[in-house]
Amino acid sequence: MQSTWEEAHSAALRELVEKGLSFKEIARTLNERFGTAYTRNAAIGRARRLGLSTPERSDSGSVFAAARKPDARKICEKRARVLFKSPRLTTIERAATLRLRCVAITPRHLALVDLQPADCRYPYGGDAEGEPITFCGHPRQEGASYCASHVHLTSLPEVEEKRAAARAPLRLVEAA
């Protein structure tokens, strides 16, 4: 295997590893002594290829041990504290509000494969195990996936206020 390290550099590396210096210090010493530009990682790689034993470290086991990863749970908790300064609803509390159904409209209970492109995709069912999920199926509102009744159920109030009033074509429907 061809190496770009000169024998004098390798000998100095052996000597510095035996003294117990860190690889950062080793690289700095080699660069000062020989006018080279070795990095810490270059010194580590050369020491591995030479089979040099490294001094044990109390924190990570050895110089070659992988860096410890920070605890993901602690990072998530820290980010959550920064991002969500105000108390938020828990998932369970939010799920309870999602069980609302529209009483102003009787769904057609269509299967997903029976829906047409212009049909409302508001889901019904699927709460109990084995219960099929069906969809509203009424004509959907332009620019939305739901009919007018279900758009109001699924839209946030602050978003509704920001929307400009749009003209909706009216259809004459037979009175019941």
N, C-alpha and C. Protein backbone atom coordinates (compact mmCIF):
# COMPACT_ATOMS: atom_id res chain seq x y z
N MET A 1 0.84 -1.16 0.00
CA MET A 1 0.00 0.00 0.00
C MET A 1 0.90 1.24 0.00
N GLN A 2 0.67 2.13 -0.95
CA GLN A 2 1.46 3.34 -1.11
C GLN A 2 1.02 4.37 -0.07
N SER A 3 1.95 5.05 0.55
CA SER A 3 1.64 6.05 1.56
C SER A 3 2.30 7.37 1.20
N THR A 4 1.64 8.46 1.52
CA THR A 4 2.23 9.78 1.29
C THR A 4 3.02 10.25 2.50
N TRP A 5 3.01 9.47 3.56
CA TRP A 5 3.75 9.81 4.77
C TRP A 5 5.20 9.36 4.60
N GLU A 6 6.12 10.25 4.90
CA GLU A 6 7.53 9.87 4.88
C GLU A 6 7.84 9.06 6.14
N GLU A 7 8.91 8.27 6.09
CA GLU A 7 9.25 7.41 7.22
C GLU A 7 9.56 8.23 8.47
N ALA A 8 10.19 9.39 8.30
CA ALA A 8 10.51 10.24 9.46
C ALA A 8 9.22 10.74 10.13
N HIS A 9 8.20 11.03 9.32
CA HIS A 9 6.92 11.50 9.86
C HIS A 9 6.23 10.37 10.63
N SER A 10 6.28 9.16 10.07
CA SER A 10 5.67 8.01 10.74
C SER A 10 6.37 7.71 12.05
N ALA A 11 7.70 7.82 12.06
CA ALA A 11 8.46 7.58 13.29
C ALA A 11 8.10 8.61 14.36
N ALA A 12 7.97 9.87 13.94
CA ALA A 12 7.58 10.93 14.88
C ALA A 12 6.17 10.68 15.40
N LEU A 13 5.28 10.18 14.54
CA LEU A 13 3.92 9.86 14.95
C LEU A 13 3.93 8.77 16.02
N ARG A 14 4.75 7.73 15.80
CA ARG A 14 4.87 6.64 16.78
C ARG A 14 5.34 7.20 18.13
N GLU A 15 6.33 8.05 18.07
CA GLU A 15 6.90 8.64 19.28
C GLU A 15 5.86 9.48 20.04
N LEU A 16 5.09 10.28 19.32
CA LEU A 16 4.11 11.16 19.96
C LEU A 16 2.92 10.38 20.52
N VAL A 17 2.54 9.28 19.83
CA VAL A 17 1.46 8.44 20.34
C VAL A 17 1.89 7.78 21.63
N GLU A 18 3.16 7.32 21.70
CA GLU A 18 3.69 6.69 22.91
C GLU A 18 3.71 7.67 24.09
N LYS A 19 3.90 8.97 23.80
CA LYS A 19 3.89 9.97 24.86
C LYS A 19 2.47 10.22 25.39
N GLY A 20 1.46 9.77 24.63
CA GLY A 20 0.08 9.93 25.08
C GLY A 20 -0.57 11.24 24.68
N LEU A 21 -0.02 11.92 23.68
CA LEU A 21 -0.62 13.17 23.23
C LEU A 21 -1.92 12.89 22.47
N SER A 22 -2.78 13.88 22.43
CA SER A 22 -4.00 13.74 21.63
C SER A 22 -3.63 13.88 20.15
N PHE A 23 -4.49 13.41 19.29
CA PHE A 23 -4.18 13.47 17.86
C PHE A 23 -4.20 14.91 17.34
N LYS A 24 -4.92 15.77 17.98
CA LYS A 24 -4.88 17.18 17.61
C LYS A 24 -3.49 17.74 17.90
N GLU A 25 -2.97 17.42 19.08
CA GLU A 25 -1.62 17.87 19.45
C GLU A 25 -0.57 17.21 18.57
N ILE A 26 -0.77 15.96 18.25
CA ILE A 26 0.18 15.24 17.39
C ILE A 26 0.25 15.90 16.03
N ALA A 27 -0.92 16.19 15.44
CA ALA A 27 -0.94 16.82 14.11
C ALA A 27 -0.26 18.18 14.15
N ARG A 28 -0.52 18.97 15.20
CA ARG A 28 0.09 20.29 15.33
C ARG A 28 1.61 20.18 15.45
N THR A 29 2.08 19.23 16.25
CA THR A 29 3.52 19.02 16.45
C THR A 29 4.20 18.59 15.16
N LEU A 30 3.58 17.64 14.44
CA LEU A 30 4.16 17.18 13.17
C LEU A 30 4.23 18.32 12.16
N ASN A 31 3.19 19.13 12.09
CA ASN A 31 3.17 20.25 11.14
C ASN A 31 4.23 21.28 11.47
N GLU A 32 4.44 21.55 12.76
CA GLU A 32 5.48 22.51 13.15
C GLU A 32 6.87 21.97 12.88
N ARG A 33 7.07 20.68 13.16
CA ARG A 33 8.38 20.06 13.02
C ARG A 33 8.77 19.87 11.56
N PHE A 34 7.82 19.44 10.71
CA PHE A 34 8.16 19.09 9.33
C PHE A 34 7.61 20.07 8.29
N GLY A 35 6.86 21.06 8.70
CA GLY A 35 6.29 22.03 7.75
C GLY A 35 5.22 21.40 6.87
N THR A 36 4.47 20.47 7.41
CA THR A 36 3.41 19.78 6.67
C THR A 36 2.05 20.38 7.03
N ALA A 37 1.02 19.79 6.50
CA ALA A 37 -0.35 20.25 6.79
C ALA A 37 -1.23 19.06 7.14
N TYR A 38 -0.72 18.18 8.02
CA TYR A 38 -1.51 17.02 8.44
C TYR A 38 -2.67 17.48 9.33
N THR A 39 -3.80 16.84 9.16
CA THR A 39 -4.95 17.12 10.02
C THR A 39 -4.99 16.08 11.14
N ARG A 40 -5.83 16.34 12.10
CA ARG A 40 -6.05 15.40 13.20
C ARG A 40 -6.49 14.05 12.64
N ASN A 41 -7.43 14.09 11.67
CA ASN A 41 -7.95 12.84 11.08
C ASN A 41 -6.88 12.10 10.29
N ALA A 42 -5.96 12.85 9.66
CA ALA A 42 -4.87 12.19 8.93
C ALA A 42 -3.96 11.44 9.91
N ALA A 43 -3.71 12.06 11.06
CA ALA A 43 -2.88 11.41 12.07
C ALA A 43 -3.57 10.17 12.63
N ILE A 44 -4.87 10.26 12.85
CA ILE A 44 -5.62 9.10 13.34
C ILE A 44 -5.58 7.96 12.32
N GLY A 45 -5.80 8.29 11.06
CA GLY A 45 -5.80 7.27 10.00
C GLY A 45 -4.44 6.59 9.87
N ARG A 46 -3.38 7.38 9.92
CA ARG A 46 -2.04 6.80 9.80
C ARG A 46 -1.74 5.91 11.01
N ALA A 47 -2.14 6.34 12.19
CA ALA A 47 -1.91 5.53 13.39
C ALA A 47 -2.66 4.21 13.29
N ARG A 48 -3.85 4.23 12.77
CA ARG A 48 -4.61 2.99 12.59
C ARG A 48 -3.91 2.06 11.61
N ARG A 49 -3.45 2.64 10.49
CA ARG A 49 -2.78 1.80 9.49
C ARG A 49 -1.47 1.21 10.02
N LEU A 50 -0.81 1.93 10.93
CA LEU A 50 0.42 1.43 11.51
C LEU A 50 0.16 0.47 12.66
N GLY A 51 -1.10 0.38 13.09
CA GLY A 51 -1.45 -0.53 14.17
C GLY A 51 -1.00 -0.04 15.53
N LEU A 52 -0.88 1.26 15.68
CA LEU A 52 -0.42 1.81 16.96
C LEU A 52 -1.53 1.73 17.99
N SER A 53 -1.16 1.31 19.20
CA SER A 53 -2.14 1.30 20.28
C SER A 53 -2.27 2.72 20.80
N THR A 54 -3.47 3.05 21.20
CA THR A 54 -3.72 4.41 21.65
C THR A 54 -4.03 4.39 23.13
N PRO A 55 -3.74 5.48 23.81
CA PRO A 55 -4.02 5.52 25.25
C PRO A 55 -5.53 5.47 25.51
N GLU A 56 -5.91 4.77 26.57
CA GLU A 56 -7.33 4.68 26.95
C GLU A 56 -7.78 6.02 27.50
N ARG A 57 -9.02 6.36 27.19
CA ARG A 57 -9.61 7.56 27.75
C ARG A 57 -10.78 7.14 28.62
N SER A 58 -10.97 7.86 29.70
CA SER A 58 -12.01 7.49 30.65
C SER A 58 -13.41 7.80 30.12
N ASP A 59 -13.56 8.82 29.27
CA ASP A 59 -14.90 9.22 28.84
C ASP A 59 -15.45 8.38 27.70
N SER A 60 -14.64 7.95 26.76
CA SER A 60 -15.18 7.24 25.60
C SER A 60 -14.56 5.88 25.36
N GLY A 61 -13.65 5.42 26.17
CA GLY A 61 -13.10 4.09 25.99
C GLY A 61 -11.78 4.13 25.26
N SER A 62 -11.69 4.78 24.10
CA SER A 62 -10.43 4.91 23.38
C SER A 62 -10.52 6.12 22.46
N VAL A 63 -9.38 6.48 21.92
CA VAL A 63 -9.33 7.63 21.04
C VAL A 63 -10.16 7.37 19.78
N PHE A 64 -10.21 6.10 19.34
CA PHE A 64 -10.92 5.77 18.11
C PHE A 64 -12.41 5.55 18.31
N ALA A 65 -12.89 5.59 19.54
CA ALA A 65 -14.31 5.35 19.80
C ALA A 65 -15.14 6.44 19.15
N ALA A 66 -16.32 6.08 18.71
CA ALA A 66 -17.20 7.06 18.07
C ALA A 66 -17.63 8.10 19.09
N ALA A 67 -17.84 9.31 18.59
CA ALA A 67 -18.30 10.38 19.46
C ALA A 67 -19.68 10.05 19.99
N ARG A 68 -19.92 10.42 21.23
CA ARG A 68 -21.22 10.13 21.82
C ARG A 68 -22.26 11.04 21.21
N LYS A 69 -23.39 10.43 20.88
CA LYS A 69 -24.49 11.22 20.34
C LYS A 69 -25.28 11.79 21.50
N PRO A 70 -25.72 13.05 21.36
CA PRO A 70 -26.53 13.62 22.44
C PRO A 70 -27.86 12.90 22.53
N ASP A 71 -28.44 12.89 23.72
CA ASP A 71 -29.71 12.23 23.95
C ASP A 71 -30.80 12.94 23.15
N ALA A 72 -31.43 12.20 22.25
CA ALA A 72 -32.44 12.78 21.36
C ALA A 72 -33.63 13.31 22.15
N ARG A 73 -34.00 12.64 23.22
CA ARG A 73 -35.15 13.09 24.01
C ARG A 73 -34.87 14.46 24.63
N LYS A 74 -33.66 14.67 25.13
CA LYS A 74 -33.32 15.96 25.73
C LYS A 74 -33.33 17.07 24.68
N ILE A 75 -32.86 16.76 23.48
CA ILE A 75 -32.86 17.76 22.41
C ILE A 75 -34.29 18.12 22.04
N CYS A 76 -35.16 17.13 21.90
CA CYS A 76 -36.56 17.39 21.55
C CYS A 76 -37.25 18.22 22.62
N GLU A 77 -36.99 17.89 23.89
CA GLU A 77 -37.61 18.66 24.98
C GLU A 77 -37.12 20.10 24.97
N LYS A 78 -35.84 20.30 24.70
CA LYS A 78 -35.30 21.65 24.66
C LYS A 78 -35.91 22.44 23.51
N ARG A 79 -36.00 21.84 22.34
CA ARG A 79 -36.62 22.51 21.19
C ARG A 79 -38.08 22.81 21.45
N ALA A 80 -38.77 21.90 22.09
CA ALA A 80 -40.19 22.11 22.38
C ALA A 80 -40.37 23.28 23.33
N ARG A 81 -39.50 23.41 24.31
CA ARG A 81 -39.60 24.55 25.24
C ARG A 81 -39.40 25.86 24.50
N VAL A 82 -38.47 25.88 23.55
CA VAL A 82 -38.20 27.11 22.81
C VAL A 82 -39.33 27.42 21.84
N LEU A 83 -39.78 26.42 21.09
CA LEU A 83 -40.79 26.65 20.07
C LEU A 83 -42.18 26.89 20.63
N PHE A 84 -42.53 26.18 21.67
CA PHE A 84 -43.89 26.24 22.20
C PHE A 84 -43.86 26.83 23.61
N LYS A 85 -43.69 28.12 23.68
CA LYS A 85 -43.62 28.77 24.98
C LYS A 85 -44.97 28.76 25.69
N SER A 86 -46.05 28.84 24.93
CA SER A 86 -47.36 28.81 25.55
C SER A 86 -47.82 27.36 25.69
N PRO A 87 -48.62 27.06 26.70
CA PRO A 87 -49.07 25.68 26.86
C PRO A 87 -49.95 25.27 25.69
N ARG A 88 -49.75 24.07 25.20
CA ARG A 88 -50.49 23.55 24.07
C ARG A 88 -51.40 22.42 24.52
N LEU A 89 -52.42 22.15 23.72
CA LEU A 89 -53.29 21.02 24.00
C LEU A 89 -52.54 19.73 23.72
N THR A 90 -52.81 18.74 24.50
CA THR A 90 -52.19 17.45 24.24
C THR A 90 -52.90 16.78 23.08
N THR A 91 -52.32 15.73 22.57
CA THR A 91 -52.91 15.00 21.46
C THR A 91 -54.27 14.42 21.84
N ILE A 92 -54.41 13.96 23.06
CA ILE A 92 -55.67 13.37 23.49
C ILE A 92 -56.77 14.43 23.52
N GLU A 93 -56.44 15.63 24.02
CA GLU A 93 -57.44 16.70 24.06
C GLU A 93 -57.85 17.11 22.66
N ARG A 94 -56.90 17.18 21.72
CA ARG A 94 -57.23 17.57 20.36
C ARG A 94 -58.05 16.48 19.67
N ALA A 95 -57.78 15.23 19.94
CA ALA A 95 -58.50 14.14 19.30
C ALA A 95 -59.97 14.19 19.67
N ALA A 96 -60.27 14.60 20.87
CA ALA A 96 -61.66 14.65 21.30
C ALA A 96 -62.44 15.68 20.49
N THR A 97 -61.82 16.78 20.08
CA THR A 97 -62.53 17.78 19.30
C THR A 97 -62.71 17.35 17.85
N LEU A 98 -61.90 16.41 17.38
CA LEU A 98 -61.99 15.97 16.00
C LEU A 98 -63.15 15.01 15.76
N ARG A 99 -63.81 14.56 16.79
CA ARG A 99 -64.91 13.62 16.65
C ARG A 99 -66.21 14.32 16.22
N LEU A 100 -66.20 15.63 16.09
CA LEU A 100 -67.39 16.36 15.68
C LEU A 100 -67.80 15.97 14.27
N ARG A 101 -69.07 15.85 14.05
CA ARG A 101 -69.60 15.56 12.72
C ARG A 101 -70.60 16.63 12.37
N CYS A 102 -70.76 16.87 11.12
CA CYS A 102 -71.67 17.90 10.64
C CYS A 102 -73.11 17.39 10.71
N VAL A 103 -73.99 18.14 11.36
CA VAL A 103 -75.38 17.72 11.47
C VAL A 103 -76.24 18.33 10.37
N ALA A 104 -75.67 19.29 9.62
CA ALA A 104 -76.46 19.97 8.60
C ALA A 104 -76.56 19.18 7.30
N ILE A 105 -75.83 18.09 7.19
CA ILE A 105 -75.80 17.36 5.92
C ILE A 105 -75.82 15.86 6.20
N THR A 106 -76.51 15.13 5.39
CA THR A 106 -76.55 13.67 5.51
C THR A 106 -75.56 13.11 4.49
N PRO A 107 -74.53 12.43 4.94
CA PRO A 107 -73.51 11.93 4.01
C PRO A 107 -74.06 10.82 3.12
N ARG A 108 -73.45 10.68 1.95
CA ARG A 108 -73.84 9.62 1.01
C ARG A 108 -73.12 8.32 1.33
N HIS A 109 -72.13 8.33 2.20
CA HIS A 109 -71.35 7.16 2.61
C HIS A 109 -70.80 6.38 1.41
N LEU A 110 -70.01 7.06 0.59
CA LEU A 110 -69.39 6.42 -0.57
C LEU A 110 -68.03 5.83 -0.19
N ALA A 111 -67.69 4.73 -0.82
CA ALA A 111 -66.36 4.14 -0.65
C ALA A 111 -65.35 5.00 -1.41
N LEU A 112 -64.10 4.89 -1.06
CA LEU A 112 -63.06 5.70 -1.70
C LEU A 112 -63.03 5.48 -3.21
N VAL A 113 -63.22 4.26 -3.66
CA VAL A 113 -63.17 3.97 -5.10
C VAL A 113 -64.38 4.52 -5.84
N ASP A 114 -65.46 4.82 -5.11
CA ASP A 114 -66.67 5.33 -5.74
C ASP A 114 -66.69 6.85 -5.83
N LEU A 115 -65.75 7.52 -5.20
CA LEU A 115 -65.73 8.99 -5.22
C LEU A 115 -65.37 9.51 -6.59
N GLN A 116 -66.04 10.56 -7.01
CA GLN A 116 -65.73 11.26 -8.25
C GLN A 116 -64.80 12.42 -7.91
N PRO A 117 -64.13 13.00 -8.89
CA PRO A 117 -63.20 14.10 -8.59
C PRO A 117 -63.85 15.29 -7.89
N ALA A 118 -65.12 15.55 -8.10
CA ALA A 118 -65.78 16.71 -7.52
C ALA A 118 -66.54 16.38 -6.23
N ASP A 119 -66.33 15.18 -5.65
CA ASP A 119 -67.05 14.78 -4.45
C ASP A 119 -66.28 15.15 -3.19
N CYS A 120 -67.03 15.42 -2.11
CA CYS A 120 -66.47 15.75 -0.80
C CYS A 120 -65.76 14.51 -0.24
N ARG A 121 -64.58 14.72 0.31
CA ARG A 121 -63.77 13.62 0.83
C ARG A 121 -63.75 13.58 2.36
N TYR A 122 -64.77 14.14 3.00
CA TYR A 122 -64.84 14.11 4.46
C TYR A 122 -65.12 12.69 4.92
N PRO A 123 -64.26 12.12 5.79
CA PRO A 123 -64.40 10.71 6.17
C PRO A 123 -65.41 10.48 7.29
N TYR A 124 -66.05 9.32 7.24
CA TYR A 124 -66.96 8.85 8.29
C TYR A 124 -66.58 7.42 8.64
N GLY A 125 -66.74 7.07 9.91
CA GLY A 125 -66.49 5.69 10.33
C GLY A 125 -65.03 5.41 10.57
N GLY A 126 -64.73 4.12 10.72
CA GLY A 126 -63.37 3.67 10.97
C GLY A 126 -62.98 3.80 12.43
N ASP A 127 -63.92 4.24 13.30
CA ASP A 127 -63.60 4.40 14.71
C ASP A 127 -63.46 3.06 15.42
N ALA A 128 -64.35 2.14 15.10
CA ALA A 128 -64.30 0.81 15.69
C ALA A 128 -63.50 -0.11 14.78
N GLU A 129 -62.90 -1.12 15.35
CA GLU A 129 -62.11 -2.05 14.56
C GLU A 129 -63.01 -2.79 13.57
N GLY A 130 -62.60 -2.80 12.32
CA GLY A 130 -63.36 -3.48 11.28
C GLY A 130 -64.44 -2.62 10.66
N GLU A 131 -64.71 -1.44 11.22
CA GLU A 131 -65.73 -0.56 10.65
C GLU A 131 -65.19 0.09 9.39
N PRO A 132 -65.93 0.07 8.30
CA PRO A 132 -65.41 0.66 7.06
C PRO A 132 -65.39 2.19 7.14
N ILE A 133 -64.48 2.78 6.42
CA ILE A 133 -64.41 4.23 6.31
C ILE A 133 -65.12 4.62 5.02
N THR A 134 -66.09 5.50 5.16
CA THR A 134 -66.82 6.01 4.00
C THR A 134 -66.62 7.52 3.93
N PHE A 135 -67.10 8.11 2.83
CA PHE A 135 -66.89 9.54 2.62
C PHE A 135 -68.21 10.23 2.31
N CYS A 136 -68.26 11.54 2.58
CA CYS A 136 -69.47 12.34 2.43
C CYS A 136 -70.04 12.21 1.02
N GLY A 137 -69.28 12.55 0.01
CA GLY A 137 -69.71 12.36 -1.37
C GLY A 137 -70.52 13.49 -1.97
N HIS A 138 -70.89 14.52 -1.21
CA HIS A 138 -71.64 15.65 -1.78
C HIS A 138 -70.69 16.52 -2.59
N PRO A 139 -71.23 17.38 -3.46
CA PRO A 139 -70.36 18.23 -4.29
C PRO A 139 -69.45 19.09 -3.41
N ARG A 140 -68.16 19.07 -3.73
CA ARG A 140 -67.20 19.81 -2.90
C ARG A 140 -67.13 21.27 -3.30
N GLN A 141 -66.68 22.08 -2.36
CA GLN A 141 -66.54 23.51 -2.60
C GLN A 141 -65.33 23.75 -3.49
N GLU A 142 -65.40 24.74 -4.36
CA GLU A 142 -64.31 25.02 -5.27
C GLU A 142 -63.05 25.39 -4.49
N GLY A 143 -61.94 24.77 -4.83
CA GLY A 143 -60.68 25.02 -4.16
C GLY A 143 -60.50 24.27 -2.85
N ALA A 144 -61.40 23.36 -2.53
CA ALA A 144 -61.30 22.60 -1.29
C ALA A 144 -61.58 21.13 -1.57
N SER A 145 -61.26 20.28 -0.60
CA SER A 145 -61.54 18.86 -0.73
C SER A 145 -62.87 18.47 -0.13
N TYR A 146 -63.54 19.44 0.51
CA TYR A 146 -64.77 19.15 1.22
C TYR A 146 -65.92 20.01 0.69
N CYS A 147 -67.14 19.56 1.02
CA CYS A 147 -68.32 20.35 0.70
C CYS A 147 -68.36 21.57 1.64
N ALA A 148 -69.28 22.51 1.38
CA ALA A 148 -69.32 23.74 2.16
C ALA A 148 -69.50 23.47 3.65
N SER A 149 -70.34 22.53 4.02
CA SER A 149 -70.56 22.22 5.44
C SER A 149 -69.30 21.68 6.10
N HIS A 150 -68.60 20.80 5.43
CA HIS A 150 -67.41 20.21 6.02
C HIS A 150 -66.21 21.14 5.99
N VAL A 151 -66.17 22.07 5.04
CA VAL A 151 -65.08 23.06 5.01
C VAL A 151 -65.12 23.86 6.30
N HIS A 152 -66.31 24.23 6.76
CA HIS A 152 -66.44 25.01 7.99
C HIS A 152 -66.01 24.20 9.21
N LEU A 153 -66.21 22.90 9.17
CA LEU A 153 -65.78 22.06 10.29
C LEU A 153 -64.26 21.92 10.35
N THR A 154 -63.63 21.88 9.21
CA THR A 154 -62.20 21.58 9.16
C THR A 154 -61.32 22.80 9.09
N SER A 155 -61.88 23.98 8.86
CA SER A 155 -61.07 25.19 8.73
C SER A 155 -60.85 25.84 10.08
N LEU A 156 -59.70 26.44 10.22
CA LEU A 156 -59.38 27.17 11.45
C LEU A 156 -60.05 28.55 11.39
N PRO A 157 -60.56 29.07 12.50
CA PRO A 157 -61.25 30.35 12.49
C PRO A 157 -60.38 31.51 12.01
N GLU A 158 -59.09 31.54 12.40
CA GLU A 158 -58.24 32.65 11.98
C GLU A 158 -57.97 32.62 10.48
N VAL A 159 -58.00 31.44 9.86
CA VAL A 159 -57.81 31.33 8.42
C VAL A 159 -59.07 31.80 7.71
N GLU A 160 -60.22 31.46 8.25
CA GLU A 160 -61.48 31.87 7.65
C GLU A 160 -61.60 33.38 7.60
N GLU A 161 -61.15 34.07 8.65
CA GLU A 161 -61.25 35.52 8.69
C GLU A 161 -60.38 36.17 7.64
N LYS A 162 -59.24 35.57 7.32
CA LYS A 162 -58.32 36.15 6.36
C LYS A 162 -58.76 35.94 4.92
N ARG A 163 -59.59 34.95 4.68
CA ARG A 163 -60.03 34.67 3.31
C ARG A 163 -60.99 35.75 2.84
N ALA A 164 -60.85 36.12 1.59
CA ALA A 164 -61.76 37.09 1.01
C ALA A 164 -63.07 36.39 0.67
N ALA A 165 -64.14 37.13 0.78
CA ALA A 165 -65.45 36.56 0.45
C ALA A 165 -65.50 36.28 -1.05
N ALA A 166 -65.87 35.08 -1.39
CA ALA A 166 -65.95 34.69 -2.79
C ALA A 166 -67.41 34.56 -3.20
N ARG A 167 -67.66 34.78 -4.44
CA ARG A 167 -69.01 34.62 -4.97
C ARG A 167 -69.23 33.16 -5.28
N ALA A 168 -70.29 32.62 -4.74
CA ALA A 168 -70.62 31.21 -4.97
C ALA A 168 -71.88 31.14 -5.80
N PRO A 169 -71.86 30.35 -6.85
CA PRO A 169 -73.10 30.20 -7.64
C PRO A 169 -74.16 29.47 -6.82
N LEU A 170 -75.35 29.96 -6.86
CA LEU A 170 -76.43 29.34 -6.12
C LEU A 170 -77.18 28.39 -7.04
N ARG A 171 -77.62 27.26 -6.46
CA ARG A 171 -78.41 26.30 -7.23
C ARG A 171 -79.78 26.20 -6.58
N LEU A 172 -80.76 26.12 -7.42
CA LEU A 172 -82.11 25.94 -6.92
C LEU A 172 -82.32 24.45 -6.63
N VAL A 173 -82.70 24.15 -5.39
CA VAL A 173 -82.89 22.77 -4.97
C VAL A 173 -84.34 22.63 -4.57
N GLU A 174 -84.91 21.50 -4.86
CA GLU A 174 -86.30 21.25 -4.49
C GLU A 174 -86.47 21.31 -2.97
N ALA A 175 -87.56 21.91 -2.56
CA ALA A 175 -87.85 22.00 -1.13
C ALA A 175 -88.38 20.66 -0.64
N ALA A 176 -88.07 20.34 0.55
CA ALA A 176 -88.49 19.06 1.11
C ALA A 176 -89.95 19.06 1.48
